[in-house]
Amino acid sequence: MIVQIFATLPGSFVAGVVTTPTSYYFSLENSKKTVFVAADHCRVEDGRTVENADCVCKTSAEFFLKIWQEDYRPGLGDFLSGKIKSNNPDSLKNFLKAFGKSD
């Protein structure tokens, strides 16, 4: 399911939401993806293809699916408990908005 979600990202990208080009690295158990977004496009690559992504997200595939499919939005407790880890939680919100997933 994770593979399918990332495969559909370029087609569901909402142009104009992102103002600054941003790189995202997702580590979801066995699935590793790098996503680049800019004002007018999105590109998905397999694995970790940048040394230092602007935003790193590490969580379980199950928790990612809860966020993506059930519109769950992680709270402070989720980050403090380690259920989800990120160097830039605010950028994760922008990522969701870039694909029509609002807060």
PDB file of N, CA and C in Angstrom:
ATOM      1  N   MET A   1       0.818  -1.198   0.000  1.00  0.00           N
ATOM      2  CA  MET A   1       0.000   0.000   0.000  1.00  0.00           C
ATOM      3  C   MET A   1       0.863   1.263   0.000  1.00  0.00           C
ATOM      4  N   ILE A   2       1.960   1.249   0.748  1.00  0.00           N
ATOM      5  CA  ILE A   2       2.861   2.410   0.798  1.00  0.00           C
ATOM      6  C   ILE A   2       3.406   2.707  -0.593  1.00  0.00           C
ATOM      7  N   VAL A   3       3.808   1.667  -1.309  1.00  0.00           N
ATOM      8  CA  VAL A   3       4.358   1.842  -2.656  1.00  0.00           C
ATOM      9  C   VAL A   3       3.333   2.525  -3.556  1.00  0.00           C
ATOM     10  N   GLN A   4       2.071   2.090  -3.477  1.00  0.00           N
ATOM     11  CA  GLN A   4       1.024   2.673  -4.304  1.00  0.00           C
ATOM     12  C   GLN A   4       0.794   4.147  -3.967  1.00  0.00           C
ATOM     13  N   ILE A   5       0.813   4.485  -2.693  1.00  0.00           N
ATOM     14  CA  ILE A   5       0.605   5.884  -2.289  1.00  0.00           C
ATOM     15  C   ILE A   5       1.687   6.767  -2.905  1.00  0.00           C
ATOM     16  N   PHE A   6       2.932   6.358  -2.767  1.00  0.00           N
ATOM     17  CA  PHE A   6       4.016   7.179  -3.307  1.00  0.00           C
ATOM     18  C   PHE A   6       3.979   7.223  -4.837  1.00  0.00           C
ATOM     19  N   ALA A   7       3.504   6.150  -5.475  1.00  0.00           N
ATOM     20  CA  ALA A   7       3.392   6.134  -6.929  1.00  0.00           C
ATOM     21  C   ALA A   7       2.356   7.136  -7.432  1.00  0.00           C
ATOM     22  N   THR A   8       1.342   7.420  -6.618  1.00  0.00           N
ATOM     23  CA  THR A   8       0.283   8.346  -7.037  1.00  0.00           C
ATOM     24  C   THR A   8       0.580   9.805  -6.685  1.00  0.00           C
ATOM     25  N   LEU A   9       1.639  10.063  -5.936  1.00  0.00           N
ATOM     26  CA  LEU A   9       1.915  11.442  -5.500  1.00  0.00           C
ATOM     27  C   LEU A   9       2.040  12.440  -6.655  1.00  0.00           C
ATOM     28  N   PRO A  10       2.813  12.158  -7.700  1.00  0.00           N
ATOM     29  CA  PRO A  10       2.919  13.164  -8.773  1.00  0.00           C
ATOM     30  C   PRO A  10       1.567  13.534  -9.377  1.00  0.00           C
ATOM     31  N   GLY A  11       0.660  12.583  -9.471  1.00  0.00           N
ATOM     32  CA  GLY A  11      -0.655  12.847 -10.049  1.00  0.00           C
ATOM     33  C   GLY A  11      -1.602  13.581  -9.125  1.00  0.00           C
ATOM     34  N   SER A  12      -1.364  13.513  -7.818  1.00  0.00           N
ATOM     35  CA  SER A  12      -2.246  14.191  -6.872  1.00  0.00           C
ATOM     36  C   SER A  12      -1.640  15.477  -6.324  1.00  0.00           C
ATOM     37  N   PHE A  13      -0.483  15.854  -6.847  1.00  0.00           N
ATOM     38  CA  PHE A  13       0.207  17.070  -6.399  1.00  0.00           C
ATOM     39  C   PHE A  13      -0.616  18.309  -6.765  1.00  0.00           C
ATOM     40  N   VAL A  14      -0.748  19.220  -5.809  1.00  0.00           N
ATOM     41  CA  VAL A  14      -1.473  20.468  -6.014  1.00  0.00           C
ATOM     42  C   VAL A  14      -0.445  21.577  -6.248  1.00  0.00           C
ATOM     43  N   ALA A  15      -0.347  22.029  -7.481  1.00  0.00           N
ATOM     44  CA  ALA A  15       0.629  23.075  -7.824  1.00  0.00           C
ATOM     45  C   ALA A  15       0.301  24.372  -7.086  1.00  0.00           C
ATOM     46  N   GLY A  16       1.347  25.085  -6.693  1.00  0.00           N
ATOM     47  CA  GLY A  16       1.196  26.376  -6.057  1.00  0.00           C
ATOM     48  C   GLY A  16       1.115  26.356  -4.542  1.00  0.00           C
ATOM     49  N   VAL A  17       0.952  25.191  -3.950  1.00  0.00           N
ATOM     50  CA  VAL A  17       0.873  25.108  -2.483  1.00  0.00           C
ATOM     51  C   VAL A  17       2.250  25.319  -1.859  1.00  0.00           C
ATOM     52  N   VAL A  18       3.253  24.710  -2.463  1.00  0.00           N
ATOM     53  CA  VAL A  18       4.626  24.815  -1.970  1.00  0.00           C
ATOM     54  C   VAL A  18       5.293  26.024  -2.625  1.00  0.00           C
ATOM     55  N   THR A  19       5.914  26.871  -1.827  1.00  0.00           N
ATOM     56  CA  THR A  19       6.581  28.045  -2.384  1.00  0.00           C
ATOM     57  C   THR A  19       8.092  27.880  -2.446  1.00  0.00           C
ATOM     58  N   THR A  20       8.628  27.027  -1.608  1.00  0.00           N
ATOM     59  CA  THR A  20      10.072  26.793  -1.563  1.00  0.00           C
ATOM     60  C   THR A  20      10.360  25.333  -1.910  1.00  0.00           C
ATOM     61  N   PRO A  21      11.240  25.059  -2.856  1.00  0.00           N
ATOM     62  CA  PRO A  21      11.589  23.670  -3.151  1.00  0.00           C
ATOM     63  C   PRO A  21      12.059  22.957  -1.871  1.00  0.00           C
ATOM     64  N   THR A  22      11.500  21.787  -1.631  1.00  0.00           N
ATOM     65  CA  THR A  22      11.771  21.065  -0.393  1.00  0.00           C
ATOM     66  C   THR A  22      11.973  19.583  -0.689  1.00  0.00           C
ATOM     67  N   SER A  23      12.943  18.989  -0.015  1.00  0.00           N
ATOM     68  CA  SER A  23      13.163  17.546  -0.126  1.00  0.00           C
ATOM     69  C   SER A  23      12.684  16.858   1.147  1.00  0.00           C
ATOM     70  N   TYR A  24      12.040  15.720   0.966  1.00  0.00           N
ATOM     71  CA  TYR A  24      11.526  14.924   2.078  1.00  0.00           C
ATOM     72  C   TYR A  24      12.083  13.515   1.965  1.00  0.00           C
ATOM     73  N   TYR A  25      12.509  12.980   3.091  1.00  0.00           N
ATOM     74  CA  TYR A  25      12.932  11.581   3.126  1.00  0.00           C
ATOM     75  C   TYR A  25      12.023  10.839   4.093  1.00  0.00           C
ATOM     76  N   PHE A  26      11.386   9.784   3.605  1.00  0.00           N
ATOM     77  CA  PHE A  26      10.492   8.969   4.413  1.00  0.00           C
ATOM     78  C   PHE A  26      11.113   7.603   4.648  1.00  0.00           C
ATOM     79  N   SER A  27      11.210   7.239   5.909  1.00  0.00           N
ATOM     80  CA  SER A  27      11.668   5.916   6.301  1.00  0.00           C
ATOM     81  C   SER A  27      10.499   5.248   7.016  1.00  0.00           C
ATOM     82  N   LEU A  28       9.818   4.369   6.285  1.00  0.00           N
ATOM     83  CA  LEU A  28       8.611   3.721   6.793  1.00  0.00           C
ATOM     84  C   LEU A  28       8.852   2.223   6.834  1.00  0.00           C
ATOM     85  N   GLU A  29       9.567   1.797   7.861  1.00  0.00           N
ATOM     86  CA  GLU A  29       9.991   0.405   8.010  1.00  0.00           C
ATOM     87  C   GLU A  29      10.833   0.007   6.802  1.00  0.00           C
ATOM     88  N   ASN A  30      10.351  -0.926   5.983  1.00  0.00           N
ATOM     89  CA  ASN A  30      11.139  -1.395   4.841  1.00  0.00           C
ATOM     90  C   ASN A  30      11.054  -0.484   3.628  1.00  0.00           C
ATOM     91  N   SER A  31      10.171   0.478   3.657  1.00  0.00           N
ATOM     92  CA  SER A  31       9.978   1.378   2.523  1.00  0.00           C
ATOM     93  C   SER A  31      10.714   2.698   2.772  1.00  0.00           C
ATOM     94  N   LYS A  32      11.590   3.039   1.854  1.00  0.00           N
ATOM     95  CA  LYS A  32      12.366   4.286   1.945  1.00  0.00           C
ATOM     96  C   LYS A  32      12.111   5.070   0.660  1.00  0.00           C
ATOM     97  N   LYS A  33      11.673   6.314   0.800  1.00  0.00           N
ATOM     98  CA  LYS A  33      11.356   7.147  -0.363  1.00  0.00           C
ATOM     99  C   LYS A  33      11.868   8.566  -0.146  1.00  0.00           C
ATOM    100  N   THR A  34      12.311   9.174  -1.227  1.00  0.00           N
ATOM    101  CA  THR A  34      12.683  10.582  -1.222  1.00  0.00           C
ATOM    102  C   THR A  34      11.712  11.292  -2.158  1.00  0.00           C
ATOM    103  N   VAL A  35      11.146  12.387  -1.673  1.00  0.00           N
ATOM    104  CA  VAL A  35      10.179  13.151  -2.458  1.00  0.00           C
ATOM    105  C   VAL A  35      10.666  14.586  -2.549  1.00  0.00           C
ATOM    106  N   PHE A  36      10.675  15.104  -3.762  1.00  0.00           N
ATOM    107  CA  PHE A  36      11.050  16.502  -3.992  1.00  0.00           C
ATOM    108  C   PHE A  36       9.795  17.241  -4.438  1.00  0.00           C
ATOM    109  N   VAL A  37       9.491  18.351  -3.775  1.00  0.00           N
ATOM    110  CA  VAL A  37       8.352  19.168  -4.180  1.00  0.00           C
ATOM    111  C   VAL A  37       8.817  20.598  -4.422  1.00  0.00           C
ATOM    112  N   ALA A  38       8.197  21.241  -5.378  1.00  0.00           N
ATOM    113  CA  ALA A  38       8.444  22.646  -5.688  1.00  0.00           C
ATOM    114  C   ALA A  38       7.086  23.243  -6.060  1.00  0.00           C
ATOM    115  N   ALA A  39       7.064  24.500  -6.446  1.00  0.00           N
ATOM    116  CA  ALA A  39       5.798  25.166  -6.738  1.00  0.00           C
ATOM    117  C   ALA A  39       5.012  24.471  -7.844  1.00  0.00           C
ATOM    118  N   ASP A  40       5.712  23.902  -8.822  1.00  0.00           N
ATOM    119  CA  ASP A  40       5.019  23.376  -9.992  1.00  0.00           C
ATOM    120  C   ASP A  40       5.206  21.881 -10.259  1.00  0.00           C
ATOM    121  N   HIS A  41       5.888  21.167  -9.376  1.00  0.00           N
ATOM    122  CA  HIS A  41       6.072  19.731  -9.642  1.00  0.00           C
ATOM    123  C   HIS A  41       6.445  18.944  -8.385  1.00  0.00           C
ATOM    124  N   CYS A  42       6.350  17.635  -8.549  1.00  0.00           N
ATOM    125  CA  CYS A  42       6.713  16.687  -7.493  1.00  0.00           C
ATOM    126  C   CYS A  42       7.433  15.526  -8.157  1.00  0.00           C
ATOM    127  N   ARG A  43       8.474  15.042  -7.505  1.00  0.00           N
ATOM    128  CA  ARG A  43       9.225  13.894  -8.019  1.00  0.00           C
ATOM    129  C   ARG A  43       9.473  12.923  -6.859  1.00  0.00           C
ATOM    130  N   VAL A  44       9.248  11.651  -7.098  1.00  0.00           N
ATOM    131  CA  VAL A  44       9.444  10.615  -6.082  1.00  0.00           C
ATOM    132  C   VAL A  44      10.563   9.692  -6.538  1.00  0.00           C
ATOM    133  N   GLU A  45      11.483   9.404  -5.630  1.00  0.00           N
ATOM    134  CA  GLU A  45      12.587   8.493  -5.931  1.00  0.00           C
ATOM    135  C   GLU A  45      12.648   7.404  -4.873  1.00  0.00           C
ATOM    136  N   ASP A  46      13.043   6.221  -5.292  1.00  0.00           N
ATOM    137  CA  ASP A  46      13.198   5.111  -4.353  1.00  0.00           C
ATOM    138  C   ASP A  46      14.462   5.300  -3.527  1.00  0.00           C
ATOM    139  N   GLY A  47      14.356   5.002  -2.253  1.00  0.00           N
ATOM    140  CA  GLY A  47      15.515   5.056  -1.368  1.00  0.00           C
ATOM    141  C   GLY A  47      15.827   6.463  -0.892  1.00  0.00           C
ATOM    142  N   ARG A  48      16.969   6.567  -0.263  1.00  0.00           N
ATOM    143  CA  ARG A  48      17.442   7.855   0.231  1.00  0.00           C
ATOM    144  C   ARG A  48      18.401   8.412  -0.815  1.00  0.00           C
ATOM    145  N   THR A  49      17.940   9.428  -1.544  1.00  0.00           N
ATOM    146  CA  THR A  49      18.729   9.942  -2.657  1.00  0.00           C
ATOM    147  C   THR A  49      19.339  11.309  -2.378  1.00  0.00           C
ATOM    148  N   VAL A  50      19.166  11.821  -1.169  1.00  0.00           N
ATOM    149  CA  VAL A  50      19.819  13.066  -0.766  1.00  0.00           C
ATOM    150  C   VAL A  50      20.541  12.828   0.554  1.00  0.00           C
ATOM    151  N   GLU A  51      21.643  13.510   0.732  1.00  0.00           N
ATOM    152  CA  GLU A  51      22.412  13.348   1.970  1.00  0.00           C
ATOM    153  C   GLU A  51      21.647  13.890   3.173  1.00  0.00           C
ATOM    154  N   ASN A  52      21.142  15.114   3.031  1.00  0.00           N
ATOM    155  CA  ASN A  52      20.407  15.761   4.125  1.00  0.00           C
ATOM    156  C   ASN A  52      19.103  16.339   3.591  1.00  0.00           C
ATOM    157  N   ALA A  53      18.024  15.595   3.759  1.00  0.00           N
ATOM    158  CA  ALA A  53      16.715  16.081   3.317  1.00  0.00           C
ATOM    159  C   ALA A  53      16.282  17.250   4.196  1.00  0.00           C
ATOM    160  N   ASP A  54      15.520  18.158   3.598  1.00  0.00           N
ATOM    161  CA  ASP A  54      14.992  19.282   4.374  1.00  0.00           C
ATOM    162  C   ASP A  54      14.079  18.796   5.491  1.00  0.00           C
ATOM    163  N   CYS A  55      13.384  17.708   5.224  1.00  0.00           N
ATOM    164  CA  CYS A  55      12.480  17.135   6.220  1.00  0.00           C
ATOM    165  C   CYS A  55      12.597  15.619   6.182  1.00  0.00           C
ATOM    166  N   VAL A  56      12.847  15.033   7.333  1.00  0.00           N
ATOM    167  CA  VAL A  56      12.936  13.577   7.472  1.00  0.00           C
ATOM    168  C   VAL A  56      11.740  13.118   8.292  1.00  0.00           C
ATOM    169  N   CYS A  57      11.121  12.044   7.864  1.00  0.00           N
ATOM    170  CA  CYS A  57      10.003  11.467   8.598  1.00  0.00           C
ATOM    171  C   CYS A  57      10.253   9.980   8.774  1.00  0.00           C
ATOM    172  N   LYS A  58      10.297   9.550  10.022  1.00  0.00           N
ATOM    173  CA  LYS A  58      10.465   8.127  10.334  1.00  0.00           C
ATOM    174  C   LYS A  58       9.292   7.689  11.190  1.00  0.00           C
ATOM    175  N   THR A  59       8.604   6.661  10.719  1.00  0.00           N
ATOM    176  CA  THR A  59       7.476   6.110  11.460  1.00  0.00           C
ATOM    177  C   THR A  59       7.172   4.720  10.916  1.00  0.00           C
ATOM    178  N   SER A  60       6.203   4.065  11.500  1.00  0.00           N
ATOM    179  CA  SER A  60       5.796   2.754  11.001  1.00  0.00           C
ATOM    180  C   SER A  60       4.903   2.937   9.775  1.00  0.00           C
ATOM    181  N   ALA A  61       4.871   1.925   8.945  1.00  0.00           N
ATOM    182  CA  ALA A  61       3.984   1.963   7.780  1.00  0.00           C
ATOM    183  C   ALA A  61       2.535   2.109   8.241  1.00  0.00           C
ATOM    184  N   GLU A  62       2.192   1.432   9.314  1.00  0.00           N
ATOM    185  CA  GLU A  62       0.826   1.492   9.840  1.00  0.00           C
ATOM    186  C   GLU A  62       0.456   2.917  10.255  1.00  0.00           C
ATOM    187  N   PHE A  63       1.356   3.604  10.939  1.00  0.00           N
ATOM    188  CA  PHE A  63       1.061   4.971  11.394  1.00  0.00           C
ATOM    189  C   PHE A  63       0.987   5.923  10.202  1.00  0.00           C
ATOM    190  N   PHE A  64       1.857   5.739   9.209  1.00  0.00           N
ATOM    191  CA  PHE A  64       1.803   6.574   8.010  1.00  0.00           C
ATOM    192  C   PHE A  64       0.459   6.391   7.307  1.00  0.00           C
ATOM    193  N   LEU A  65      -0.015   5.160   7.197  1.00  0.00           N
ATOM    194  CA  LEU A  65      -1.305   4.897   6.562  1.00  0.00           C
ATOM    195  C   LEU A  65      -2.441   5.557   7.335  1.00  0.00           C
ATOM    196  N   LYS A  66      -2.345   5.567   8.645  1.00  0.00           N
ATOM    197  CA  LYS A  66      -3.358   6.235   9.467  1.00  0.00           C
ATOM    198  C   LYS A  66      -3.400   7.730   9.137  1.00  0.00           C
ATOM    199  N   ILE A  67      -2.237   8.330   8.973  1.00  0.00           N
ATOM    200  CA  ILE A  67      -2.147   9.749   8.625  1.00  0.00           C
ATOM    201  C   ILE A  67      -2.707   9.980   7.221  1.00  0.00           C
ATOM    202  N   TRP A  68      -2.281   9.177   6.279  1.00  0.00           N
ATOM    203  CA  TRP A  68      -2.629   9.391   4.866  1.00  0.00           C
ATOM    204  C   TRP A  68      -4.075   9.032   4.560  1.00  0.00           C
ATOM    205  N   GLN A  69      -4.526   7.891   5.057  1.00  0.00           N
ATOM    206  CA  GLN A  69      -5.853   7.399   4.683  1.00  0.00           C
ATOM    207  C   GLN A  69      -6.966   7.840   5.617  1.00  0.00           C
ATOM    208  N   GLU A  70      -6.643   8.014   6.893  1.00  0.00           N
ATOM    209  CA  GLU A  70      -7.683   8.340   7.871  1.00  0.00           C
ATOM    210  C   GLU A  70      -7.628   9.799   8.311  1.00  0.00           C
ATOM    211  N   ASP A  71      -6.766  10.581   7.683  1.00  0.00           N
ATOM    212  CA  ASP A  71      -6.611  12.003   8.006  1.00  0.00           C
ATOM    213  C   ASP A  71      -6.251  12.256   9.471  1.00  0.00           C
ATOM    214  N   TYR A  72      -5.568  11.289  10.078  1.00  0.00           N
ATOM    215  CA  TYR A  72      -5.079  11.497  11.444  1.00  0.00           C
ATOM    216  C   TYR A  72      -3.926  12.492  11.387  1.00  0.00           C
ATOM    217  N   ARG A  73      -3.890  13.412  12.316  1.00  0.00           N
ATOM    218  CA  ARG A  73      -2.799  14.383  12.383  1.00  0.00           C
ATOM    219  C   ARG A  73      -2.042  14.178  13.686  1.00  0.00           C
ATOM    220  N   PRO A  74      -0.758  13.827  13.594  1.00  0.00           N
ATOM    221  CA  PRO A  74       0.040  13.561  14.799  1.00  0.00           C
ATOM    222  C   PRO A  74       0.104  14.786  15.711  1.00  0.00           C
ATOM    223  N   GLY A  75       0.022  14.514  16.975  1.00  0.00           N
ATOM    224  CA  GLY A  75       0.139  15.560  17.983  1.00  0.00           C
ATOM    225  C   GLY A  75       1.473  15.464  18.694  1.00  0.00           C
ATOM    226  N   LEU A  76       1.669  16.356  19.631  1.00  0.00           N
ATOM    227  CA  LEU A  76       2.915  16.405  20.396  1.00  0.00           C
ATOM    228  C   LEU A  76       3.214  15.064  21.062  1.00  0.00           C
ATOM    229  N   GLY A  77       2.185  14.415  21.575  1.00  0.00           N
ATOM    230  CA  GLY A  77       2.368  13.120  22.232  1.00  0.00           C
ATOM    231  C   GLY A  77       2.923  12.056  21.300  1.00  0.00           C
ATOM    232  N   ASP A  78       2.495  12.104  20.040  1.00  0.00           N
ATOM    233  CA  ASP A  78       3.002  11.139  19.062  1.00  0.00           C
ATOM    234  C   ASP A  78       4.496  11.338  18.822  1.00  0.00           C
ATOM    235  N   PHE A  79       4.918  12.598  18.775  1.00  0.00           N
ATOM    236  CA  PHE A  79       6.335  12.887  18.569  1.00  0.00           C
ATOM    237  C   PHE A  79       7.146  12.571  19.828  1.00  0.00           C
ATOM    238  N   LEU A  80       6.615  12.927  20.982  1.00  0.00           N
ATOM    239  CA  LEU A  80       7.335  12.678  22.240  1.00  0.00           C
ATOM    240  C   LEU A  80       7.472  11.185  22.528  1.00  0.00           C
ATOM    241  N   SER A  81       6.482  10.406  22.131  1.00  0.00           N
ATOM    242  CA  SER A  81       6.527   8.956  22.384  1.00  0.00           C
ATOM    243  C   SER A  81       7.412   8.230  21.373  1.00  0.00           C
ATOM    244  N   GLY A  82       7.789   8.926  20.292  1.00  0.00           N
ATOM    245  CA  GLY A  82       8.613   8.293  19.268  1.00  0.00           C
ATOM    246  C   GLY A  82       7.813   7.548  18.224  1.00  0.00           C
ATOM    247  N   LYS A  83       6.486   7.654  18.288  1.00  0.00           N
ATOM    248  CA  LYS A  83       5.645   6.989  17.293  1.00  0.00           C
ATOM    249  C   LYS A  83       5.937   7.540  15.894  1.00  0.00           C
ATOM    250  N   ILE A  84       6.292   8.817  15.850  1.00  0.00           N
ATOM    251  CA  ILE A  84       6.725   9.463  14.614  1.00  0.00           C
ATOM    252  C   ILE A  84       7.891  10.374  14.968  1.00  0.00           C
ATOM    253  N   LYS A  85       8.893  10.400  14.103  1.00  0.00           N
ATOM    254  CA  LYS A  85      10.069  11.239  14.334  1.00  0.00           C
ATOM    255  C   LYS A  85      10.289  12.110  13.108  1.00  0.00           C
ATOM    256  N   SER A  86      10.629  13.377  13.355  1.00  0.00           N
ATOM    257  CA  SER A  86      10.914  14.278  12.249  1.00  0.00           C
ATOM    258  C   SER A  86      11.814  15.405  12.724  1.00  0.00           C
ATOM    259  N   ASN A  87      12.663  15.862  11.825  1.00  0.00           N
ATOM    260  CA  ASN A  87      13.502  17.012  12.120  1.00  0.00           C
ATOM    261  C   ASN A  87      12.776  18.317  11.798  1.00  0.00           C
ATOM    262  N   ASN A  88      11.572  18.216  11.198  1.00  0.00           N
ATOM    263  CA  ASN A  88      10.844  19.407  10.783  1.00  0.00           C
ATOM    264  C   ASN A  88       9.344  19.112  10.707  1.00  0.00           C
ATOM    265  N   PRO A  89       8.671  18.968  11.856  1.00  0.00           N
ATOM    266  CA  PRO A  89       7.241  18.624  11.856  1.00  0.00           C
ATOM    267  C   PRO A  89       6.371  19.617  11.078  1.00  0.00           C
ATOM    268  N   ASP A  90       6.716  20.897  11.111  1.00  0.00           N
ATOM    269  CA  ASP A  90       5.912  21.879  10.382  1.00  0.00           C
ATOM    270  C   ASP A  90       5.954  21.630   8.879  1.00  0.00           C
ATOM    271  N   SER A  91       7.092  21.195   8.391  1.00  0.00           N
ATOM    272  CA  SER A  91       7.220  20.902   6.967  1.00  0.00           C
ATOM    273  C   SER A  91       6.371  19.687   6.572  1.00  0.00           C
ATOM    274  N   LEU A  92       6.159  18.771   7.498  1.00  0.00           N
ATOM    275  CA  LEU A  92       5.286  17.623   7.217  1.00  0.00           C
ATOM    276  C   LEU A  92       3.860  18.093   6.950  1.00  0.00           C
ATOM    277  N   LYS A  93       3.420  19.128   7.660  1.00  0.00           N
ATOM    278  CA  LYS A  93       2.085  19.690   7.417  1.00  0.00           C
ATOM    279  C   LYS A  93       2.006  20.244   5.998  1.00  0.00           C
ATOM    280  N   ASN A  94       3.054  20.932   5.560  1.00  0.00           N
ATOM    281  CA  ASN A  94       3.077  21.473   4.201  1.00  0.00           C
ATOM    282  C   ASN A  94       3.054  20.354   3.167  1.00  0.00           C
ATOM    283  N   PHE A  95       3.741  19.262   3.482  1.00  0.00           N
ATOM    284  CA  PHE A  95       3.739  18.111   2.579  1.00  0.00           C
ATOM    285  C   PHE A  95       2.314  17.610   2.364  1.00  0.00           C
ATOM    286  N   LEU A  96       1.579  17.448   3.448  1.00  0.00           N
ATOM    287  CA  LEU A  96       0.201  16.968   3.339  1.00  0.00           C
ATOM    288  C   LEU A  96      -0.662  17.924   2.521  1.00  0.00           C
ATOM    289  N   LYS A  97      -0.499  19.210   2.739  1.00  0.00           N
ATOM    290  CA  LYS A  97      -1.263  20.211   1.999  1.00  0.00           C
ATOM    291  C   LYS A  97      -0.938  20.154   0.496  1.00  0.00           C
ATOM    292  N   ALA A  98       0.287  19.853   0.159  1.00  0.00           N
ATOM    293  CA  ALA A  98       0.703  19.796  -1.254  1.00  0.00           C
ATOM    294  C   ALA A  98       0.004  18.656  -2.011  1.00  0.00           C
ATOM    295  N   PHE A  99      -0.626  17.755  -1.278  1.00  0.00           N
ATOM    296  CA  PHE A  99      -1.321  16.648  -1.912  1.00  0.00           C
ATOM    297  C   PHE A  99      -2.804  16.634  -1.544  1.00  0.00           C
ATOM    298  N   GLY A 100      -3.302  17.817  -1.215  1.00  0.00           N
ATOM    299  CA  GLY A 100      -4.728  17.965  -0.935  1.00  0.00           C
ATOM    300  C   GLY A 100      -5.186  17.407   0.389  1.00  0.00           C
ATOM    301  N   LYS A 101      -4.234  17.167   1.268  1.00  0.00           N
ATOM    302  CA  LYS A 101      -4.564  16.660   2.608  1.00  0.00           C
ATOM    303  C   LYS A 101      -4.459  17.832   3.564  1.00  0.00           C
ATOM    304  N   SER A 102      -5.580  18.423   3.930  1.00  0.00           N
ATOM    305  CA  SER A 102      -5.537  19.602   4.792  1.00  0.00           C
ATOM    306  C   SER A 102      -5.469  19.188   6.252  1.00  0.00           C
ATOM    307  N   ASP A 103      -5.199  20.163   7.100  1.00  0.00           N
ATOM    308  CA  ASP A 103      -5.101  19.912   8.547  1.00  0.00           C
ATOM    309  C   ASP A 103      -6.433  19.518   9.128  1.00  0.00           C
TER     310      ASP A 103
END
